[in-house]
Amino acid sequence: MKRSAPITLFALSLALAASSCASTDRPGSYATELARLEESCRARGGILTPADVGRPLGRPQTEYACRINDGGTRLRN
């Protein structure tokens, strides 16, 4: 009985690793949201940069900021 515990644990960890790799391209996933955020930022003429939030929160909206270098001005022409 003690011999089957490591095998069961290994099988469980392998199944968990496989399921996490398979779920990266689903709608609403981190990678999908990050790509959408980057595309939106580029469309506005910016570049996506990491924000200083300390630890990862799992939400690209809070972990990255769109930095627009050629921004407008408050002065009127």
PDB file of N, CA and C in Angstrom:
ATOM      1  N   MET A   1       0.816  -1.186   0.000  1.00  0.00           N
ATOM      2  CA  MET A   1       0.000   0.000   0.000  1.00  0.00           C
ATOM      3  C   MET A   1       0.867   1.259   0.000  1.00  0.00           C
ATOM      4  N   LYS A   2       1.976   1.239   0.713  1.00  0.00           N
ATOM      5  CA  LYS A   2       2.843   2.403   0.747  1.00  0.00           C
ATOM      6  C   LYS A   2       3.543   2.599  -0.587  1.00  0.00           C
ATOM      7  N   ARG A   3       3.715   1.546  -1.339  1.00  0.00           N
ATOM      8  CA  ARG A   3       4.406   1.629  -2.614  1.00  0.00           C
ATOM      9  C   ARG A   3       3.533   2.292  -3.681  1.00  0.00           C
ATOM     10  N   SER A   4       2.231   2.190  -3.586  1.00  0.00           N
ATOM     11  CA  SER A   4       1.351   2.766  -4.598  1.00  0.00           C
ATOM     12  C   SER A   4       1.117   4.263  -4.390  1.00  0.00           C
ATOM     13  N   ALA A   5       1.388   4.779  -3.218  1.00  0.00           N
ATOM     14  CA  ALA A   5       1.169   6.209  -2.949  1.00  0.00           C
ATOM     15  C   ALA A   5       2.033   7.101  -3.834  1.00  0.00           C
ATOM     16  N   PRO A   6       3.347   6.849  -3.982  1.00  0.00           N
ATOM     17  CA  PRO A   6       4.147   7.704  -4.872  1.00  0.00           C
ATOM     18  C   PRO A   6       3.702   7.616  -6.332  1.00  0.00           C
ATOM     19  N   ILE A   7       3.274   6.451  -6.759  1.00  0.00           N
ATOM     20  CA  ILE A   7       2.815   6.287  -8.139  1.00  0.00           C
ATOM     21  C   ILE A   7       1.529   7.073  -8.354  1.00  0.00           C
ATOM     22  N   THR A   8       0.625   7.014  -7.397  1.00  0.00           N
ATOM     23  CA  THR A   8      -0.622   7.764  -7.483  1.00  0.00           C
ATOM     24  C   THR A   8      -0.353   9.260  -7.474  1.00  0.00           C
ATOM     25  N   LEU A   9       0.551   9.702  -6.636  1.00  0.00           N
ATOM     26  CA  LEU A   9       0.905  11.117  -6.566  1.00  0.00           C
ATOM     27  C   LEU A   9       1.536  11.592  -7.870  1.00  0.00           C
ATOM     28  N   PHE A  10       2.399  10.757  -8.442  1.00  0.00           N
ATOM     29  CA  PHE A  10       3.025  11.105  -9.714  1.00  0.00           C
ATOM     30  C   PHE A  10       1.981  11.193 -10.827  1.00  0.00           C
ATOM     31  N   ALA A  11       1.059  10.257 -10.875  1.00  0.00           N
ATOM     32  CA  ALA A  11       0.015  10.267 -11.899  1.00  0.00           C
ATOM     33  C   ALA A  11      -0.889  11.488 -11.745  1.00  0.00           C
ATOM     34  N   LEU A  12      -1.211  11.834 -10.533  1.00  0.00           N
ATOM     35  CA  LEU A  12      -2.044  13.005 -10.282  1.00  0.00           C
ATOM     36  C   LEU A  12      -1.333  14.292 -10.701  1.00  0.00           C
ATOM     37  N   SER A  13      -0.055  14.418 -10.381  1.00  0.00           N
ATOM     38  CA  SER A  13       0.687  15.625 -10.762  1.00  0.00           C
ATOM     39  C   SER A  13       0.865  15.701 -12.273  1.00  0.00           C
ATOM     40  N   LEU A  14       1.040  14.575 -12.926  1.00  0.00           N
ATOM     41  CA  LEU A  14       1.157  14.552 -14.386  1.00  0.00           C
ATOM     42  C   LEU A  14      -0.156  14.971 -15.042  1.00  0.00           C
ATOM     43  N   ALA A  15      -1.273  14.512 -14.521  1.00  0.00           N
ATOM     44  CA  ALA A  15      -2.574  14.903 -15.060  1.00  0.00           C
ATOM     45  C   ALA A  15      -2.841  16.388 -14.836  1.00  0.00           C
ATOM     46  N   LEU A  16      -2.444  16.892 -13.694  1.00  0.00           N
ATOM     47  CA  LEU A  16      -2.622  18.316 -13.405  1.00  0.00           C
ATOM     48  C   LEU A  16      -1.764  19.177 -14.329  1.00  0.00           C
ATOM     49  N   ALA A  17      -0.547  18.768 -14.582  1.00  0.00           N
ATOM     50  CA  ALA A  17       0.339  19.515 -15.492  1.00  0.00           C
ATOM     51  C   ALA A  17      -0.204  19.506 -16.911  1.00  0.00           C
ATOM     52  N   ALA A  18      -0.728  18.384 -17.345  1.00  0.00           N
ATOM     53  CA  ALA A  18      -1.284  18.299 -18.699  1.00  0.00           C
ATOM     54  C   ALA A  18      -2.530  19.168 -18.841  1.00  0.00           C
ATOM     55  N   SER A  19      -3.353  19.219 -17.819  1.00  0.00           N
ATOM     56  CA  SER A  19      -4.565  20.030 -17.916  1.00  0.00           C
ATOM     57  C   SER A  19      -4.245  21.520 -17.873  1.00  0.00           C
ATOM     58  N   SER A  20      -3.201  21.917 -17.180  1.00  0.00           N
ATOM     59  CA  SER A  20      -2.849  23.335 -17.141  1.00  0.00           C
ATOM     60  C   SER A  20      -2.280  23.794 -18.468  1.00  0.00           C
ATOM     61  N   CYS A  21      -1.562  22.941 -19.164  1.00  0.00           N
ATOM     62  CA  CYS A  21      -1.031  23.303 -20.482  1.00  0.00           C
ATOM     63  C   CYS A  21      -2.146  23.394 -21.514  1.00  0.00           C
ATOM     64  N   ALA A  22      -3.137  22.578 -21.398  1.00  0.00           N
ATOM     65  CA  ALA A  22      -4.219  22.555 -22.377  1.00  0.00           C
ATOM     66  C   ALA A  22      -5.166  23.735 -22.227  1.00  0.00           C
ATOM     67  N   SER A  23      -5.156  24.381 -21.091  1.00  0.00           N
ATOM     68  CA  SER A  23      -6.145  25.433 -20.851  1.00  0.00           C
ATOM     69  C   SER A  23      -5.603  26.842 -21.101  1.00  0.00           C
ATOM     70  N   THR A  24      -4.476  26.992 -21.784  1.00  0.00           N
ATOM     71  CA  THR A  24      -3.895  28.318 -21.944  1.00  0.00           C
ATOM     72  C   THR A  24      -4.510  29.123 -23.074  1.00  0.00           C
ATOM     73  N   ASP A  25      -5.206  28.496 -24.021  1.00  0.00           N
ATOM     74  CA  ASP A  25      -5.742  29.254 -25.141  1.00  0.00           C
ATOM     75  C   ASP A  25      -7.258  29.403 -25.097  1.00  0.00           C
ATOM     76  N   ARG A  26      -7.876  29.092 -24.010  1.00  0.00           N
ATOM     77  CA  ARG A  26      -9.321  29.247 -23.920  1.00  0.00           C
ATOM     78  C   ARG A  26      -9.680  30.712 -23.715  1.00  0.00           C
ATOM     79  N   PRO A  27     -10.858  31.138 -24.119  1.00  0.00           N
ATOM     80  CA  PRO A  27     -11.266  32.529 -23.922  1.00  0.00           C
ATOM     81  C   PRO A  27     -11.283  32.882 -22.438  1.00  0.00           C
ATOM     82  N   GLY A  28     -10.736  34.033 -22.104  1.00  0.00           N
ATOM     83  CA  GLY A  28     -10.688  34.455 -20.722  1.00  0.00           C
ATOM     84  C   GLY A  28      -9.448  33.997 -19.987  1.00  0.00           C
ATOM     85  N   SER A  29      -8.560  33.232 -20.651  1.00  0.00           N
ATOM     86  CA  SER A  29      -7.347  32.800 -19.986  1.00  0.00           C
ATOM     87  C   SER A  29      -6.351  33.950 -19.935  1.00  0.00           C
ATOM     88  N   TYR A  30      -5.328  33.785 -19.135  1.00  0.00           N
ATOM     89  CA  TYR A  30      -4.318  34.834 -18.963  1.00  0.00           C
ATOM     90  C   TYR A  30      -3.664  35.191 -20.289  1.00  0.00           C
ATOM     91  N   ALA A  31      -3.258  34.187 -21.056  1.00  0.00           N
ATOM     92  CA  ALA A  31      -2.588  34.441 -22.331  1.00  0.00           C
ATOM     93  C   ALA A  31      -3.506  35.150 -23.319  1.00  0.00           C
ATOM     94  N   THR A  32      -4.767  34.761 -23.360  1.00  0.00           N
ATOM     95  CA  THR A  32      -5.728  35.392 -24.259  1.00  0.00           C
ATOM     96  C   THR A  32      -5.980  36.839 -23.852  1.00  0.00           C
ATOM     97  N   GLU A  33      -6.155  37.082 -22.569  1.00  0.00           N
ATOM     98  CA  GLU A  33      -6.378  38.439 -22.083  1.00  0.00           C
ATOM     99  C   GLU A  33      -5.156  39.320 -22.303  1.00  0.00           C
ATOM    100  N   LEU A  34      -3.964  38.755 -22.125  1.00  0.00           N
ATOM    101  CA  LEU A  34      -2.743  39.526 -22.340  1.00  0.00           C
ATOM    102  C   LEU A  34      -2.595  39.900 -23.809  1.00  0.00           C
ATOM    103  N   ALA A  35      -2.891  38.976 -24.715  1.00  0.00           N
ATOM    104  CA  ALA A  35      -2.822  39.272 -26.144  1.00  0.00           C
ATOM    105  C   ALA A  35      -3.836  40.339 -26.541  1.00  0.00           C
ATOM    106  N   ARG A  36      -5.033  40.265 -26.000  1.00  0.00           N
ATOM    107  CA  ARG A  36      -6.062  41.265 -26.293  1.00  0.00           C
ATOM    108  C   ARG A  36      -5.653  42.639 -25.772  1.00  0.00           C
ATOM    109  N   LEU A  37      -5.087  42.663 -24.574  1.00  0.00           N
ATOM    110  CA  LEU A  37      -4.626  43.906 -23.978  1.00  0.00           C
ATOM    111  C   LEU A  37      -3.475  44.515 -24.780  1.00  0.00           C
ATOM    112  N   GLU A  38      -2.564  43.681 -25.230  1.00  0.00           N
ATOM    113  CA  GLU A  38      -1.437  44.165 -26.033  1.00  0.00           C
ATOM    114  C   GLU A  38      -1.907  44.711 -27.376  1.00  0.00           C
ATOM    115  N   GLU A  39      -2.851  44.050 -27.995  1.00  0.00           N
ATOM    116  CA  GLU A  39      -3.399  44.519 -29.269  1.00  0.00           C
ATOM    117  C   GLU A  39      -4.112  45.863 -29.098  1.00  0.00           C
ATOM    118  N   SER A  40      -4.862  46.000 -28.030  1.00  0.00           N
ATOM    119  CA  SER A  40      -5.560  47.250 -27.753  1.00  0.00           C
ATOM    120  C   SER A  40      -4.578  48.392 -27.507  1.00  0.00           C
ATOM    121  N   CYS A  41      -3.513  48.094 -26.815  1.00  0.00           N
ATOM    122  CA  CYS A  41      -2.505  49.105 -26.514  1.00  0.00           C
ATOM    123  C   CYS A  41      -1.778  49.539 -27.789  1.00  0.00           C
ATOM    124  N   ARG A  42      -1.433  48.595 -28.640  1.00  0.00           N
ATOM    125  CA  ARG A  42      -0.770  48.932 -29.911  1.00  0.00           C
ATOM    126  C   ARG A  42      -1.664  49.772 -30.804  1.00  0.00           C
ATOM    127  N   ALA A  43      -2.956  49.498 -30.787  1.00  0.00           N
ATOM    128  CA  ALA A  43      -3.893  50.263 -31.616  1.00  0.00           C
ATOM    129  C   ALA A  43      -3.946  51.728 -31.186  1.00  0.00           C
ATOM    130  N   ARG A  44      -3.659  51.984 -29.916  1.00  0.00           N
ATOM    131  CA  ARG A  44      -3.636  53.362 -29.418  1.00  0.00           C
ATOM    132  C   ARG A  44      -2.256  53.999 -29.521  1.00  0.00           C
ATOM    133  N   GLY A  45      -1.292  53.279 -30.105  1.00  0.00           N
ATOM    134  CA  GLY A  45       0.050  53.813 -30.290  1.00  0.00           C
ATOM    135  C   GLY A  45       0.939  53.659 -29.073  1.00  0.00           C
ATOM    136  N   GLY A  46       0.653  52.690 -28.250  1.00  0.00           N
ATOM    137  CA  GLY A  46       1.427  52.499 -27.026  1.00  0.00           C
ATOM    138  C   GLY A  46       2.174  51.181 -27.013  1.00  0.00           C
ATOM    139  N   ILE A  47       2.853  50.956 -25.897  1.00  0.00           N
ATOM    140  CA  ILE A  47       3.577  49.711 -25.674  1.00  0.00           C
ATOM    141  C   ILE A  47       3.197  49.194 -24.283  1.00  0.00           C
ATOM    142  N   LEU A  48       2.980  47.903 -24.187  1.00  0.00           N
ATOM    143  CA  LEU A  48       2.566  47.292 -22.927  1.00  0.00           C
ATOM    144  C   LEU A  48       3.796  47.096 -22.044  1.00  0.00           C
ATOM    145  N   THR A  49       3.764  47.623 -20.841  1.00  0.00           N
ATOM    146  CA  THR A  49       4.885  47.514 -19.909  1.00  0.00           C
ATOM    147  C   THR A  49       4.395  46.943 -18.586  1.00  0.00           C
ATOM    148  N   PRO A  50       5.254  46.199 -17.902  1.00  0.00           N
ATOM    149  CA  PRO A  50       4.851  45.659 -16.597  1.00  0.00           C
ATOM    150  C   PRO A  50       4.623  46.777 -15.585  1.00  0.00           C
ATOM    151  N   ALA A  51       3.563  46.660 -14.835  1.00  0.00           N
ATOM    152  CA  ALA A  51       3.273  47.616 -13.763  1.00  0.00           C
ATOM    153  C   ALA A  51       3.900  47.101 -12.477  1.00  0.00           C
ATOM    154  N   ASP A  52       4.231  47.978 -11.604  1.00  0.00           N
ATOM    155  CA  ASP A  52       4.852  47.596 -10.338  1.00  0.00           C
ATOM    156  C   ASP A  52       3.763  47.300  -9.312  1.00  0.00           C
ATOM    157  N   VAL A  53       3.281  46.057  -9.321  1.00  0.00           N
ATOM    158  CA  VAL A  53       2.213  45.670  -8.398  1.00  0.00           C
ATOM    159  C   VAL A  53       2.710  44.752  -7.289  1.00  0.00           C
ATOM    160  N   GLY A  54       3.989  44.454  -7.279  1.00  0.00           N
ATOM    161  CA  GLY A  54       4.536  43.576  -6.252  1.00  0.00           C
ATOM    162  C   GLY A  54       4.529  42.127  -6.685  1.00  0.00           C
ATOM    163  N   ARG A  55       3.509  41.426  -6.342  1.00  0.00           N
ATOM    164  CA  ARG A  55       3.423  39.998  -6.692  1.00  0.00           C
ATOM    165  C   ARG A  55       2.418  39.805  -7.824  1.00  0.00           C
ATOM    166  N   PRO A  56       2.555  38.726  -8.592  1.00  0.00           N
ATOM    167  CA  PRO A  56       1.596  38.458  -9.664  1.00  0.00           C
ATOM    168  C   PRO A  56       0.197  38.231  -9.111  1.00  0.00           C
ATOM    169  N   LEU A  57      -0.784  38.840  -9.763  1.00  0.00           N
ATOM    170  CA  LEU A  57      -2.167  38.733  -9.316  1.00  0.00           C
ATOM    171  C   LEU A  57      -3.012  37.823 -10.198  1.00  0.00           C
ATOM    172  N   GLY A  58      -2.477  37.439 -11.355  1.00  0.00           N
ATOM    173  CA  GLY A  58      -3.218  36.568 -12.251  1.00  0.00           C
ATOM    174  C   GLY A  58      -4.146  37.308 -13.193  1.00  0.00           C
ATOM    175  N   ARG A  59      -4.060  38.632 -13.222  1.00  0.00           N
ATOM    176  CA  ARG A  59      -4.883  39.440 -14.119  1.00  0.00           C
ATOM    177  C   ARG A  59      -3.975  40.373 -14.900  1.00  0.00           C
ATOM    178  N   PRO A  60      -3.878  40.204 -16.212  1.00  0.00           N
ATOM    179  CA  PRO A  60      -3.008  41.078 -16.992  1.00  0.00           C
ATOM    180  C   PRO A  60      -3.427  42.539 -16.943  1.00  0.00           C
ATOM    181  N   GLN A  61      -4.707  42.814 -16.699  1.00  0.00           N
ATOM    182  CA  GLN A  61      -5.195  44.193 -16.624  1.00  0.00           C
ATOM    183  C   GLN A  61      -4.561  44.941 -15.455  1.00  0.00           C
ATOM    184  N   THR A  62      -4.218  44.250 -14.391  1.00  0.00           N
ATOM    185  CA  THR A  62      -3.598  44.901 -13.244  1.00  0.00           C
ATOM    186  C   THR A  62      -2.082  44.757 -13.231  1.00  0.00           C
ATOM    187  N   GLU A  63      -1.551  43.799 -13.972  1.00  0.00           N
ATOM    188  CA  GLU A  63      -0.113  43.564 -13.988  1.00  0.00           C
ATOM    189  C   GLU A  63       0.617  44.327 -15.085  1.00  0.00           C
ATOM    190  N   TYR A  64      -0.100  44.845 -16.074  1.00  0.00           N
ATOM    191  CA  TYR A  64       0.512  45.569 -17.184  1.00  0.00           C
ATOM    192  C   TYR A  64      -0.202  46.893 -17.404  1.00  0.00           C
ATOM    193  N   ALA A  65       0.556  47.866 -17.901  1.00  0.00           N
ATOM    194  CA  ALA A  65      -0.005  49.177 -18.210  1.00  0.00           C
ATOM    195  C   ALA A  65       0.376  49.541 -19.641  1.00  0.00           C
ATOM    196  N   CYS A  66      -0.489  50.270 -20.299  1.00  0.00           N
ATOM    197  CA  CYS A  66      -0.227  50.728 -21.663  1.00  0.00           C
ATOM    198  C   CYS A  66       0.478  52.073 -21.574  1.00  0.00           C
ATOM    199  N   ARG A  67       1.708  52.120 -22.022  1.00  0.00           N
ATOM    200  CA  ARG A  67       2.480  53.362 -21.996  1.00  0.00           C
ATOM    201  C   ARG A  67       2.464  53.976 -23.384  1.00  0.00           C
ATOM    202  N   ILE A  68       1.915  55.170 -23.468  1.00  0.00           N
ATOM    203  CA  ILE A  68       1.821  55.866 -24.748  1.00  0.00           C
ATOM    204  C   ILE A  68       2.857  56.977 -24.735  1.00  0.00           C
ATOM    205  N   ASN A  69       3.886  56.833 -25.568  1.00  0.00           N
ATOM    206  CA  ASN A  69       4.991  57.784 -25.581  1.00  0.00           C
ATOM    207  C   ASN A  69       4.664  59.044 -26.371  1.00  0.00           C
ATOM    208  N   ASP A  70       3.892  58.918 -27.409  1.00  0.00           N
ATOM    209  CA  ASP A  70       3.572  60.064 -28.255  1.00  0.00           C
ATOM    210  C   ASP A  70       2.160  60.536 -27.918  1.00  0.00           C
ATOM    211  N   GLY A  71       1.968  60.840 -26.673  1.00  0.00           N
ATOM    212  CA  GLY A  71       0.646  61.237 -26.214  1.00  0.00           C
ATOM    213  C   GLY A  71       0.312  62.666 -26.589  1.00  0.00           C
ATOM    214  N   GLY A  72      -0.921  62.998 -26.457  1.00  0.00           N
ATOM    215  CA  GLY A  72      -1.381  64.337 -26.749  1.00  0.00           C
ATOM    216  C   GLY A  72      -0.946  65.333 -25.691  1.00  0.00           C
ATOM    217  N   THR A  73      -1.330  66.532 -25.860  1.00  0.00           N
ATOM    218  CA  THR A  73      -0.998  67.580 -24.921  1.00  0.00           C
ATOM    219  C   THR A  73      -2.255  68.302 -24.504  1.00  0.00           C
ATOM    220  N   ARG A  74      -2.209  68.987 -23.396  1.00  0.00           N
ATOM    221  CA  ARG A  74      -3.367  69.738 -22.929  1.00  0.00           C
ATOM    222  C   ARG A  74      -3.453  71.113 -23.580  1.00  0.00           C
ATOM    223  N   LEU A  75      -2.374  71.496 -24.239  1.00  0.00           N
ATOM    224  CA  LEU A  75      -2.352  72.802 -24.893  1.00  0.00           C
ATOM    225  C   LEU A  75      -3.106  72.773 -26.203  1.00  0.00           C
ATOM    226  N   ARG A  76      -3.828  73.785 -26.466  1.00  0.00           N
ATOM    227  CA  ARG A  76      -4.548  73.864 -27.737  1.00  0.00           C
ATOM    228  C   ARG A  76      -3.673  74.500 -28.789  1.00  0.00           C
ATOM    229  N   ASN A  77      -3.843  74.069 -29.998  1.00  0.00           N
ATOM    230  CA  ASN A  77      -3.061  74.640 -31.105  1.00  0.00           C
ATOM    231  C   ASN A  77      -3.698  75.871 -31.648  1.00  0.00           C
TER     232      ASN A  77
END
